[in-house]
C-alpha atoms as a PDB file:
ATOM      1  CA  MET A   1       7.596 -14.975  89.965  1.00  0.00           C
ATOM      2  CA  SER A   2       9.833 -14.218  87.057  1.00  0.00           C
ATOM      3  CA  PRO A   3      12.883 -16.222  85.787  1.00  0.00           C
ATOM      4  CA  SER A   4      16.320 -14.522  85.709  1.00  0.00           C
ATOM      5  CA  ALA A   5      18.355 -17.077  83.778  1.00  0.00           C
ATOM      6  CA  GLY A   6      19.879 -15.834  80.524  1.00  0.00           C
ATOM      7  CA  GLY A   7      18.531 -17.279  77.297  1.00  0.00           C
ATOM      8  CA  LEU A   8      15.378 -18.519  79.150  1.00  0.00           C
ATOM      9  CA  VAL A   9      12.580 -19.620  76.668  1.00  0.00           C
ATOM     10  CA  VAL A  10       9.536 -21.096  78.266  1.00  0.00           C
ATOM     11  CA  PHE A  11       5.982 -21.109  76.715  1.00  0.00           C
ATOM     12  CA  LEU A  12       2.971 -22.029  78.708  1.00  0.00           C
ATOM     13  CA  LEU A  13      -0.628 -22.611  77.502  1.00  0.00           C
ATOM     14  CA  SER A  14      -2.617 -21.056  80.391  1.00  0.00           C
ATOM     15  CA  VAL A  15      -5.835 -23.240  80.525  1.00  0.00           C
ATOM     16  CA  LYS A  16      -6.664 -24.317  84.060  1.00  0.00           C
ATOM     17  CA  VAL A  17      -7.483 -27.978  84.307  1.00  0.00           C
ATOM     18  CA  ILE A  18      -9.376 -29.208  87.289  1.00  0.00           C
ATOM     19  CA  GLN A  19      -9.692 -32.739  88.665  1.00  0.00           C
ATOM     20  CA  SER A  20     -11.796 -33.277  91.829  1.00  0.00           C
ATOM     21  CA  GLN A  21     -13.586 -35.906  93.706  1.00  0.00           C
ATOM     22  CA  ASP A  22     -15.474 -35.733  96.983  1.00  0.00           C
ATOM     23  CA  GLY A  23     -13.673 -32.520  98.002  1.00  0.00           C
ATOM     24  CA  TRP A  24     -10.276 -33.762  96.791  1.00  0.00           C
ATOM     25  CA  GLY A  25      -8.841 -31.977  93.809  1.00  0.00           C
ATOM     26  CA  VAL A  26      -5.744 -30.757  91.811  1.00  0.00           C
ATOM     27  CA  ASN A  27      -6.068 -27.714  89.692  1.00  0.00           C
ATOM     28  CA  TYR A  28      -3.244 -27.290  87.107  1.00  0.00           C
ATOM     29  CA  ASP A  29      -2.491 -23.748  85.714  1.00  0.00           C
ATOM     30  CA  GLN A  30      -1.472 -25.231  82.325  1.00  0.00           C
ATOM     31  CA  THR A  31      -2.211 -28.193  80.211  1.00  0.00           C
ATOM     32  CA  ASP A  32       0.682 -27.915  77.866  1.00  0.00           C
ATOM     33  CA  VAL A  33       4.235 -26.540  78.495  1.00  0.00           C
ATOM     34  CA  CYS A  34       6.558 -25.905  75.556  1.00  0.00           C
ATOM     35  CA  ALA A  35      10.217 -25.188  76.477  1.00  0.00           C
ATOM     36  CA  ALA A  36      13.543 -24.826  74.639  1.00  0.00           C
ATOM     37  CA  LYS A  37      16.473 -27.024  75.683  1.00  0.00           C
ATOM     38  CA  GLY A  38      18.535 -25.535  78.441  1.00  0.00           C
ATOM     39  CA  SER A  39      15.815 -23.258  79.808  1.00  0.00           C
ATOM     40  CA  ILE A  40      13.929 -23.297  83.053  1.00  0.00           C
ATOM     41  CA  VAL A  41      10.366 -24.592  83.369  1.00  0.00           C
ATOM     42  CA  PHE A  42       7.688 -23.823  85.977  1.00  0.00           C
ATOM     43  CA  ILE A  43       4.673 -26.041  86.518  1.00  0.00           C
ATOM     44  CA  ILE A  44       2.100 -24.835  89.003  1.00  0.00           C
ATOM     45  CA  CYS A  45      -0.938 -26.349  90.693  1.00  0.00           C
ATOM     46  CA  ASP A  46      -3.475 -25.722  93.540  1.00  0.00           C
ATOM     47  CA  TYR A  47      -4.809 -28.710  95.561  1.00  0.00           C
ATOM     48  CA  THR A  48      -7.913 -29.023  97.741  1.00  0.00           C
ATOM     49  CA  HIS A  49      -9.083 -31.509 100.395  1.00  0.00           C
ATOM     50  CA  PRO A  50     -12.252 -32.086 102.300  1.00  0.00           C
ATOM     51  CA  PRO A  51     -13.048 -29.833 105.361  1.00  0.00           C
ATOM     52  CA  GLY A  52     -11.697 -31.133 108.631  1.00  0.00           C
ATOM     53  CA  ILE A  53      -8.350 -32.064 107.401  1.00  0.00           C
ATOM     54  CA  ASP A  54      -5.757 -29.928 108.983  1.00  0.00           C
ATOM     55  CA  PRO A  55      -2.550 -28.814 106.934  1.00  0.00           C
ATOM     56  CA  SER A  56      -0.522 -30.756 109.437  1.00  0.00           C
ATOM     57  CA  ASP A  57      -2.387 -33.926 108.287  1.00  0.00           C
ATOM     58  CA  ILE A  58      -0.812 -33.710 104.982  1.00  0.00           C
ATOM     59  CA  LYS A  59       2.143 -36.133 105.159  1.00  0.00           C
ATOM     60  CA  ASP A  60       3.612 -35.628 101.680  1.00  0.00           C
ATOM     61  CA  ARG A  61       3.165 -33.713  98.394  1.00  0.00           C
ATOM     62  CA  PHE A  62       5.373 -34.216  95.337  1.00  0.00           C
ATOM     63  CA  TRP A  63       5.417 -34.343  91.507  1.00  0.00           C
ATOM     64  CA  PHE A  64       6.105 -37.445  89.504  1.00  0.00           C
ATOM     65  CA  THR A  65       6.207 -38.876  85.948  1.00  0.00           C
ATOM     66  CA  LYS A  66       6.798 -42.486  86.624  1.00  0.00           C
ATOM     67  CA  GLU A  67       5.401 -45.280  88.951  1.00  0.00           C
ATOM     68  CA  LYS A  68       7.144 -48.095  90.475  1.00  0.00           C
ATOM     69  CA  ASP A  69       5.109 -51.128  91.804  1.00  0.00           C
ATOM     70  CA  GLY A  70       1.993 -49.094  91.331  1.00  0.00           C
ATOM     71  CA  GLU A  71       3.269 -46.133  93.426  1.00  0.00           C
ATOM     72  CA  PRO A  72       4.431 -42.692  92.062  1.00  0.00           C
ATOM     73  CA  VAL A  73       8.221 -41.998  92.214  1.00  0.00           C
ATOM     74  CA  ASP A  74       8.971 -38.507  93.615  1.00  0.00           C
ATOM     75  CA  LEU A  75      10.927 -36.571  91.003  1.00  0.00           C
ATOM     76  CA  ARG A  76      13.328 -35.422  93.741  1.00  0.00           C
ATOM     77  CA  THR A  77      14.557 -39.004  94.072  1.00  0.00           C
ATOM     78  CA  ASP A  78      14.824 -39.724  90.398  1.00  0.00           C
ATOM     79  CA  SER A  79      18.412 -39.791  89.265  1.00  0.00           C
ATOM     80  CA  GLU A  80      17.549 -38.420  85.817  1.00  0.00           C
ATOM     81  CA  TYR A  81      16.479 -35.129  87.562  1.00  0.00           C
ATOM     82  CA  SER A  82      19.233 -35.017  90.102  1.00  0.00           C
ATOM     83  CA  ASP A  83      19.919 -31.403  91.213  1.00  0.00           C
ATOM     84  CA  ARG A  84      17.662 -30.075  88.430  1.00  0.00           C
ATOM     85  CA  VAL A  85      14.230 -30.041  90.209  1.00  0.00           C
ATOM     86  CA  LYS A  86      12.972 -27.983  93.047  1.00  0.00           C
ATOM     87  CA  HIS A  87       9.573 -28.463  94.747  1.00  0.00           C
ATOM     88  CA  THR A  88       7.970 -25.529  96.645  1.00  0.00           C
ATOM     89  CA  CYS A  89       4.622 -25.708  98.453  1.00  0.00           C
ATOM     90  CA  TYR A  90       2.645 -23.032 100.413  1.00  0.00           C
ATOM     91  CA  SER A  91       0.352 -24.864 102.752  1.00  0.00           C
ATOM     92  CA  ILE A  92      -1.943 -21.869 103.604  1.00  0.00           C
ATOM     93  CA  LEU A  93      -2.617 -21.259  99.969  1.00  0.00           C
ATOM     94  CA  LYS A  94      -2.509 -25.002  98.988  1.00  0.00           C
ATOM     95  CA  ARG A  95      -0.430 -24.059  95.979  1.00  0.00           C
ATOM     96  CA  CYS A  96       2.713 -25.918  94.747  1.00  0.00           C
ATOM     97  CA  TYR A  97       5.442 -25.138  92.185  1.00  0.00           C
ATOM     98  CA  LEU A  98       7.752 -27.591  90.371  1.00  0.00           C
ATOM     99  CA  THR A  99      10.875 -25.943  88.866  1.00  0.00           C
ATOM    100  CA  ILE A 100      13.030 -27.862  86.342  1.00  0.00           C
ATOM    101  CA  THR A 101      16.372 -26.135  85.399  1.00  0.00           C
ATOM    102  CA  ASP A 102      18.409 -26.980  82.215  1.00  0.00           C
ATOM    103  CA  VAL A 103      15.571 -28.948  80.613  1.00  0.00           C
ATOM    104  CA  ARG A 104      16.416 -31.725  78.265  1.00  0.00           C
ATOM    105  CA  GLU A 105      14.449 -33.562  75.435  1.00  0.00           C
ATOM    106  CA  SER A 106      14.257 -36.581  77.664  1.00  0.00           C
ATOM    107  CA  ASP A 107      12.206 -34.342  80.193  1.00  0.00           C
ATOM    108  CA  SER A 108       9.317 -34.426  77.782  1.00  0.00           C
ATOM    109  CA  ALA A 109       6.706 -36.278  79.774  1.00  0.00           C
ATOM    110  CA  GLU A 110       3.426 -35.929  81.585  1.00  0.00           C
ATOM    111  CA  TYR A 111       3.834 -34.381  85.030  1.00  0.00           C
ATOM    112  CA  LYS A 112       1.318 -35.148  87.868  1.00  0.00           C
ATOM    113  CA  PHE A 113       0.978 -33.904  91.379  1.00  0.00           C
ATOM    114  CA  THR A 114      -0.030 -36.206  94.243  1.00  0.00           C
ATOM    115  CA  PHE A 115      -0.557 -35.595  97.904  1.00  0.00           C
ATOM    116  CA  MET A 116      -1.467 -37.850 100.963  1.00  0.00           C
ATOM    117  CA  THR A 117      -2.466 -37.574 104.505  1.00  0.00           C
ATOM    118  CA  ASN A 118      -1.072 -39.456 107.522  1.00  0.00           C
ATOM    119  CA  LYS A 119      -4.094 -41.847 107.305  1.00  0.00           C
ATOM    120  CA  PRO A 120      -3.396 -45.113 105.248  1.00  0.00           C
ATOM    121  CA  GLY A 121      -4.817 -45.012 101.772  1.00  0.00           C
ATOM    122  CA  GLU A 122      -6.021 -41.377 102.075  1.00  0.00           C
ATOM    123  CA  LYS A 123      -4.289 -39.797  98.914  1.00  0.00           C
ATOM    124  CA  TYR A 124      -5.202 -38.133  95.730  1.00  0.00           C
ATOM    125  CA  THR A 125      -3.478 -37.678  92.321  1.00  0.00           C
ATOM    126  CA  GLY A 126      -4.404 -34.999  89.685  1.00  0.00           C
ATOM    127  CA  SER A 127      -4.771 -36.897  86.438  1.00  0.00           C
ATOM    128  CA  PRO A 128      -4.380 -36.141  83.512  1.00  0.00           C
ATOM    129  CA  GLY A 129      -1.370 -34.017  84.370  1.00  0.00           C
ATOM    130  CA  VAL A 130       0.658 -31.392  82.549  1.00  0.00           C
ATOM    131  CA  THR A 131       2.397 -32.380  79.298  1.00  0.00           C
ATOM    132  CA  LEU A 132       5.986 -30.928  78.806  1.00  0.00           C
ATOM    133  CA  SER A 133       7.425 -30.837  75.357  1.00  0.00           C
ATOM    134  CA  VAL A 134      11.051 -29.791  75.072  1.00  0.00           C
ATOM    135  CA  THR A 135      12.380 -28.640  71.613  1.00  0.00           C
ATOM    136  CA  ASP A 136      15.601 -27.092  70.153  1.00  0.00           C
ATOM    137  CA  SER A 137      14.160 -23.562  69.744  1.00  0.00           C
ATOM    138  CA  GLY A 138      11.299 -21.336  70.892  1.00  0.00           C
ATOM    139  CA  LEU A 139       9.124 -18.667  69.154  1.00  0.00           C
ATOM    140  CA  GLN A 140      10.023 -17.243  65.778  1.00  0.00           C
ATOM    141  CA  VAL A 141       8.374 -14.633  63.528  1.00  0.00           C
ATOM    142  CA  GLN A 142       8.064 -15.800  59.920  1.00  0.00           C
ATOM    143  CA  VAL A 143       7.546 -13.227  57.196  1.00  0.00           C
ATOM    144  CA  ARG A 144       5.461 -13.762  54.030  1.00  0.00           C
ATOM    145  CA  ARG A 145       5.027 -11.065  51.527  1.00  0.00           C
ATOM    146  CA  LEU A 146       1.476 -10.715  50.257  1.00  0.00           C
ATOM    147  CA  ASN A 147       1.966  -8.000  47.704  1.00  0.00           C
ATOM    148  CA  SER A 148       3.927  -4.744  47.197  1.00  0.00           C
ATOM    149  CA  THR A 149       2.113  -3.097  50.122  1.00  0.00           C
ATOM    150  CA  TRP A 150       1.404  -5.661  52.736  1.00  0.00           C
ATOM    151  CA  LEU A 151       3.410  -8.429  54.666  1.00  0.00           C
ATOM    152  CA  GLU A 152       1.907 -11.167  56.889  1.00  0.00           C
ATOM    153  CA  LEU A 153       3.833 -11.914  60.135  1.00  0.00           C
ATOM    154  CA  THR A 154       3.191 -15.403  61.649  1.00  0.00           C
ATOM    155  CA  CYS A 155       4.200 -16.312  65.207  1.00  0.00           C
ATOM    156  CA  HIS A 156       5.572 -19.785  64.981  1.00  0.00           C
ATOM    157  CA  SER A 157       6.449 -22.284  67.803  1.00  0.00           C
ATOM    158  CA  SER A 158       8.520 -25.437  67.273  1.00  0.00           C
ATOM    159  CA  CYS A 159       6.143 -27.094  69.704  1.00  0.00           C
ATOM    160  CA  VAL A 160       2.773 -28.694  68.877  1.00  0.00           C
ATOM    161  CA  LEU A 161       0.247 -26.390  70.748  1.00  0.00           C
ATOM    162  CA  SER A 162      -3.517 -26.542  71.340  1.00  0.00           C
ATOM    163  CA  ASP A 163      -5.732 -24.471  69.166  1.00  0.00           C
ATOM    164  CA  ARG A 164      -6.434 -22.405  72.328  1.00  0.00           C
ATOM    165  CA  ALA A 165      -2.915 -21.029  72.453  1.00  0.00           C
ATOM    166  CA  GLU A 166      -3.019 -17.261  72.709  1.00  0.00           C
ATOM    167  CA  TYR A 167      -0.428 -15.107  70.995  1.00  0.00           C
ATOM    168  CA  TYR A 168       0.288 -11.432  71.652  1.00  0.00           C
ATOM    169  CA  TRP A 169       2.088  -8.982  69.159  1.00  0.00           C
ATOM    170  CA  TYR A 170       4.403  -6.201  70.121  1.00  0.00           C
ATOM    171  CA  LYS A 171       5.154  -3.247  67.834  1.00  0.00           C
ATOM    172  CA  ASN A 172       8.319  -1.874  69.375  1.00  0.00           C
ATOM    173  CA  GLU A 173       7.591  -2.105  73.084  1.00  0.00           C
ATOM    174  CA  GLU A 174       3.786  -1.770  72.965  1.00  0.00           C
ATOM    175  CA  ILE A 175       1.277  -4.712  72.686  1.00  0.00           C
ATOM    176  CA  ILE A 176      -0.947  -4.024  69.682  1.00  0.00           C
ATOM    177  CA  LYS A 177      -2.788  -7.179  68.877  1.00  0.00           C
ATOM    178  CA  THR A 178      -3.615 -10.680  69.692  1.00  0.00           C
ATOM    179  CA  GLY A 179      -3.707 -13.757  67.368  1.00  0.00           C
ATOM    180  CA  SER A 180      -1.213 -15.995  65.593  1.00  0.00           C
ATOM    181  CA  SER A 181      -0.635 -13.552  62.574  1.00  0.00           C
ATOM    182  CA  LEU A 182      -0.251  -9.883  61.908  1.00  0.00           C
ATOM    183  CA  LEU A 183      -0.458  -7.722  58.783  1.00  0.00           C
ATOM    184  CA  VAL A 184       2.033  -4.789  58.445  1.00  0.00           C
ATOM    185  CA  SER A 185       2.978  -2.523  55.691  1.00  0.00           C
ATOM    186  CA  SER A 186       6.204  -3.035  53.759  1.00  0.00           C
ATOM    187  CA  GLY A 187       8.972  -0.566  54.317  1.00  0.00           C
ATOM    188  CA  SER A 188       8.237  -0.128  58.014  1.00  0.00           C
ATOM    189  CA  THR A 189      11.280   0.290  60.372  1.00  0.00           C
ATOM    190  CA  ASP A 190       9.223  -0.628  63.412  1.00  0.00           C
ATOM    191  CA  ARG A 191      10.319  -3.834  65.333  1.00  0.00           C
ATOM    192  CA  TYR A 192       7.675  -6.533  65.665  1.00  0.00           C
ATOM    193  CA  SER A 193       7.893  -9.551  68.055  1.00  0.00           C
ATOM    194  CA  CYS A 194       5.460 -12.078  69.556  1.00  0.00           C
ATOM    195  CA  TYR A 195       5.016 -14.075  72.618  1.00  0.00           C
ATOM    196  CA  LEU A 196       2.694 -16.859  73.943  1.00  0.00           C
ATOM    197  CA  ARG A 197       0.379 -16.124  76.874  1.00  0.00           C
ATOM    198  CA  GLY A 198       1.972 -17.290  80.051  1.00  0.00           C
ATOM    199  CA  SER A 199       5.429 -17.509  78.714  1.00  0.00           C
ATOM    200  CA  TRP A 200       6.945 -15.313  81.362  1.00  0.00           C
ATOM    201  CA  ASP A 201       7.478 -12.457  79.035  1.00  0.00           C
ATOM    202  CA  GLN A 202      10.022 -14.394  76.919  1.00  0.00           C
ATOM    203  CA  ARG A 203       9.404 -12.932  73.466  1.00  0.00           C
ATOM    204  CA  SER A 204      10.512 -13.991  69.977  1.00  0.00           C
ATOM    205  CA  PRO A 205      13.455 -12.136  68.362  1.00  0.00           C
ATOM    206  CA  ALA A 206      12.167  -8.929  66.812  1.00  0.00           C
ATOM    207  CA  VAL A 207      11.951  -8.664  62.976  1.00  0.00           C
ATOM    208  CA  TYR A 208      12.400  -5.230  61.364  1.00  0.00           C
ATOM    209  CA  GLY A 209      13.443  -3.674  58.022  1.00  0.00           C
ATOM    210  CA  PRO A 210      16.919  -2.220  57.345  1.00  0.00           C
ATOM    211  CA  GLN A 211      17.932   1.148  58.615  1.00  0.00           C
ATOM    212  CA  ARG A 212      19.630   3.468  56.179  1.00  0.00           C
ATOM    213  CA  PRO A 213      22.954   1.548  55.539  1.00  0.00           C
ATOM    214  CA  SER A 214      26.315   3.269  56.128  1.00  0.00           C
ATOM    215  CA  VAL A 215      29.378   2.946  53.828  1.00  0.00           C
ATOM    216  CA  SER A 216      32.960   2.708  55.020  1.00  0.00           C
ATOM    217  CA  VAL A 217      36.162   2.948  52.868  1.00  0.00           C
ATOM    218  CA  SER A 218      39.393   1.118  53.517  1.00  0.00           C
ATOM    219  CA  PRO A 219      42.080   2.450  53.485  1.00  0.00           C
ATOM    220  CA  SER A 220      40.585   5.730  54.548  1.00  0.00           C
ATOM    221  CA  ALA A 221      43.726   7.785  53.919  1.00  0.00           C
ATOM    222  CA  GLU A 222      44.847   9.165  50.590  1.00  0.00           C
ATOM    223  CA  MET A 223      45.443   6.291  48.220  1.00  0.00           C
ATOM    224  CA  LEU A 224      47.623   5.937  44.973  1.00  0.00           C
ATOM    225  CA  GLU A 225      46.254   4.554  41.692  1.00  0.00           C
ATOM    226  CA  GLY A 226      46.778   0.910  41.627  1.00  0.00           C
ATOM    227  CA  ASP A 227      46.211   0.281  45.318  1.00  0.00           C
ATOM    228  CA  SER A 228      43.449  -2.068  46.653  1.00  0.00           C
ATOM    229  CA  VAL A 229      40.392  -0.195  47.899  1.00  0.00           C
ATOM    230  CA  THR A 230      37.425  -1.593  49.585  1.00  0.00           C
ATOM    231  CA  LEU A 231      33.937  -0.150  50.056  1.00  0.00           C
ATOM    232  CA  THR A 232      31.797  -1.869  52.791  1.00  0.00           C
ATOM    233  CA  CYS A 233      28.006  -1.429  53.207  1.00  0.00           C
ATOM    234  CA  SER A 234      26.322  -2.353  56.517  1.00  0.00           C
ATOM    235  CA  THR A 235      23.137  -1.887  58.255  1.00  0.00           C
ATOM    236  CA  ASP A 236      20.954  -3.283  61.155  1.00  0.00           C
ATOM    237  CA  ALA A 237      18.135  -5.497  60.079  1.00  0.00           C
ATOM    238  CA  ASN A 238      16.392  -8.846  60.951  1.00  0.00           C
ATOM    239  CA  PRO A 239      16.092 -11.039  58.862  1.00  0.00           C
ATOM    240  CA  ALA A 240      19.649 -10.191  57.622  1.00  0.00           C
ATOM    241  CA  ALA A 241      19.651  -7.777  54.719  1.00  0.00           C
ATOM    242  CA  SER A 242      21.149  -8.483  51.263  1.00  0.00           C
ATOM    243  CA  TYR A 243      23.180  -5.734  49.614  1.00  0.00           C
ATOM    244  CA  THR A 244      23.526  -4.253  46.173  1.00  0.00           C
ATOM    245  CA  TRP A 245      26.165  -1.683  44.920  1.00  0.00           C
ATOM    246  CA  TYR A 246      25.493   0.976  42.260  1.00  0.00           C
ATOM    247  CA  LYS A 247      27.471   3.564  40.376  1.00  0.00           C
ATOM    248  CA  GLU A 248      26.087   6.645  38.710  1.00  0.00           C
ATOM    249  CA  ASP A 249      27.273   6.691  35.118  1.00  0.00           C
ATOM    250  CA  GLY A 250      25.392   9.838  33.860  1.00  0.00           C
ATOM    251  CA  THR A 251      22.097   8.044  33.009  1.00  0.00           C
ATOM    252  CA  SER A 252      18.776   8.129  34.928  1.00  0.00           C
ATOM    253  CA  ASP A 253      19.450   4.545  36.298  1.00  0.00           C
ATOM    254  CA  PRO A 254      22.524   3.821  38.211  1.00  0.00           C
ATOM    255  CA  ARG A 255      24.702   0.883  37.017  1.00  0.00           C
ATOM    256  CA  LEU A 256      24.478  -2.257  39.154  1.00  0.00           C
ATOM    257  CA  LEU A 257      28.010  -3.398  40.176  1.00  0.00           C
ATOM    258  CA  SER A 258      27.810  -6.053  42.803  1.00  0.00           C
ATOM    259  CA  GLU A 259      25.353  -8.023  45.046  1.00  0.00           C
ATOM    260  CA  GLU A 260      27.882  -8.337  48.005  1.00  0.00           C
ATOM    261  CA  PRO A 261      28.371  -6.399  51.203  1.00  0.00           C
ATOM    262  CA  GLN A 262      31.751  -5.266  49.909  1.00  0.00           C
ATOM    263  CA  LEU A 263      32.773  -3.635  46.733  1.00  0.00           C
ATOM    264  CA  VAL A 264      36.491  -4.373  46.074  1.00  0.00           C
ATOM    265  CA  PHE A 265      38.875  -2.583  43.806  1.00  0.00           C
ATOM    266  CA  SER A 266      41.909  -4.816  43.548  1.00  0.00           C
ATOM    267  CA  SER A 267      43.819  -2.016  41.568  1.00  0.00           C
ATOM    268  CA  ILE A 268      41.762   1.171  41.407  1.00  0.00           C
ATOM    269  CA  GLN A 269      42.046   3.281  38.292  1.00  0.00           C
ATOM    270  CA  SER A 270      41.027   6.825  37.350  1.00  0.00           C
ATOM    271  CA  SER A 271      38.162   5.350  35.375  1.00  0.00           C
ATOM    272  CA  ASP A 272      36.682   4.180  38.632  1.00  0.00           C
ATOM    273  CA  SER A 273      35.999   7.774  39.654  1.00  0.00           C
ATOM    274  CA  GLY A 274      32.297   8.425  40.375  1.00  0.00           C
ATOM    275  CA  ASN A 275      29.384   8.282  42.818  1.00  0.00           C
ATOM    276  CA  TYR A 276      28.634   5.036  44.514  1.00  0.00           C
ATOM    277  CA  SER A 277      25.635   3.923  46.715  1.00  0.00           C
ATOM    278  CA  CYS A 278      24.517   0.664  48.120  1.00  0.00           C
ATOM    279  CA  THR A 279      21.036  -0.687  48.967  1.00  0.00           C
ATOM    280  CA  ALA A 280      20.054  -2.964  51.882  1.00  0.00           C
ATOM    281  CA  GLU A 281      16.980  -5.068  51.509  1.00  0.00           C
ATOM    282  CA  ASN A 282      15.108  -7.842  53.452  1.00  0.00           C
ATOM    283  CA  GLN A 283      11.466  -8.961  53.410  1.00  0.00           C
ATOM    284  CA  LEU A 284      10.277  -6.008  55.498  1.00  0.00           C
ATOM    285  CA  GLY A 285      11.802  -3.154  53.481  1.00  0.00           C
ATOM    286  CA  ARG A 286      14.569  -1.537  51.522  1.00  0.00           C
ATOM    287  CA  LYS A 287      16.926   1.419  52.202  1.00  0.00           C
ATOM    288  CA  THR A 288      19.584   3.128  50.160  1.00  0.00           C
ATOM    289  CA  SER A 289      22.808   4.728  51.566  1.00  0.00           C
ATOM    290  CA  ASP A 290      24.028   8.310  50.980  1.00  0.00           C
ATOM    291  CA  PHE A 291      26.270   8.604  47.900  1.00  0.00           C
ATOM    292  CA  ILE A 292      30.019   8.365  48.346  1.00  0.00           C
ATOM    293  CA  SER A 293      32.053  10.180  45.694  1.00  0.00           C
ATOM    294  CA  ILE A 294      35.489   8.792  44.614  1.00  0.00           C
ATOM    295  CA  ASP A 295      37.744  11.132  42.487  1.00  0.00           C
ATOM    296  CA  VAL A 296      41.014   9.801  41.199  1.00  0.00           C
ATOM    297  CA  LYS A 297      43.225  12.699  40.083  1.00  0.00           C
ATOM    298  CA  SER A 298      46.554  12.834  38.372  1.00  0.00           C
ATOM    299  CA  VAL A 299      49.361  14.555  40.344  1.00  0.00           C
ATOM    300  CA  GLY A 300      52.217  13.683  37.912  1.00  0.00           C
ATOM    301  CA  ARG A 301      52.925  11.462  34.877  1.00  0.00           C
ATOM    302  CA  THR A 302      52.775   8.232  36.838  1.00  0.00           C
ATOM    303  CA  THR A 303      51.162   9.212  40.053  1.00  0.00           C
ATOM    304  CA  ARG A 304      47.462   9.724  40.669  1.00  0.00           C
ATOM    305  CA  ILE A 305      45.830  10.357  44.124  1.00  0.00           C
ATOM    306  CA  ILE A 306      42.317   9.474  45.209  1.00  0.00           C
ATOM    307  CA  HIS A 307      40.107  12.053  46.956  1.00  0.00           C
ATOM    308  CA  ILE A 308      36.929  10.727  48.818  1.00  0.00           C
ATOM    309  CA  THR A 309      34.002  12.862  49.579  1.00  0.00           C
ATOM    310  CA  ARG A 310      30.493  12.129  50.879  1.00  0.00           C
ATOM    311  CA  TRP A 311      27.155  13.881  50.054  1.00  0.00           C
ATOM    312  CA  THR A 312      23.639  13.269  51.068  1.00  0.00           C
ATOM    313  CA  LEU A 313      20.797  12.611  48.692  1.00  0.00           C
END
């Protein structure tokens, strides 16, 4: 079974919990379920009963969070879950699924499964049940620089999870490691993401260093001295990159001009001629663009024209 709803974020701690007595039992696939608001949640269990009881003897099976007058209240009749819950059971397998759509913070509760036969008083409830925690967000990768060479990536959940939670790490599209943290070298352009075992393959957003930034010029046609000219630096990176603009001035070290994505000349002059480059940087790495060369040339006493050329380092 796999969910198809867009934006689904569901995290399951897959540790089977078994409650049984004299042949009666409920086996939960999870002890803790962590979900983001608006997502879909699946809670699963198996149930057992003593030999001699035919499947047709099972009068009712359902999930509940509340009791009224000492009796469990079927979620399907609870107005707070109206049209948001679906209960599916397979009698031969003795396996039942509870699906909750568009989960809300108010859905955070302990969910239990109960079943009963057609004989008075013959029933069983699996207790303790499955604890659902609903939060605003799901898994995120946090980046911490250890030194100039190494970074530590940590898979972080907004839910409070058991120490037995199992995390898996992806490098691009390949699983490379288990554990809540991962060491990677600085400057890598590989994409790293994590997920929690049993999370229906819903991963955290990937983190990665910037690609080589590109530079665009506006306006791109010929421009007269005195016109407004804007250079824009852009790249793909997560976390978002910060930008720095430089101009070569004939020394070994380029001159820093700006720490913004755009370099704006409100009235460009011939003295602005030169070679420009930009650098994009985040916690995972740093990349520098190709040079762009701007040459402002005189074409008369009062008129000058700008020529733009590009060259690669």
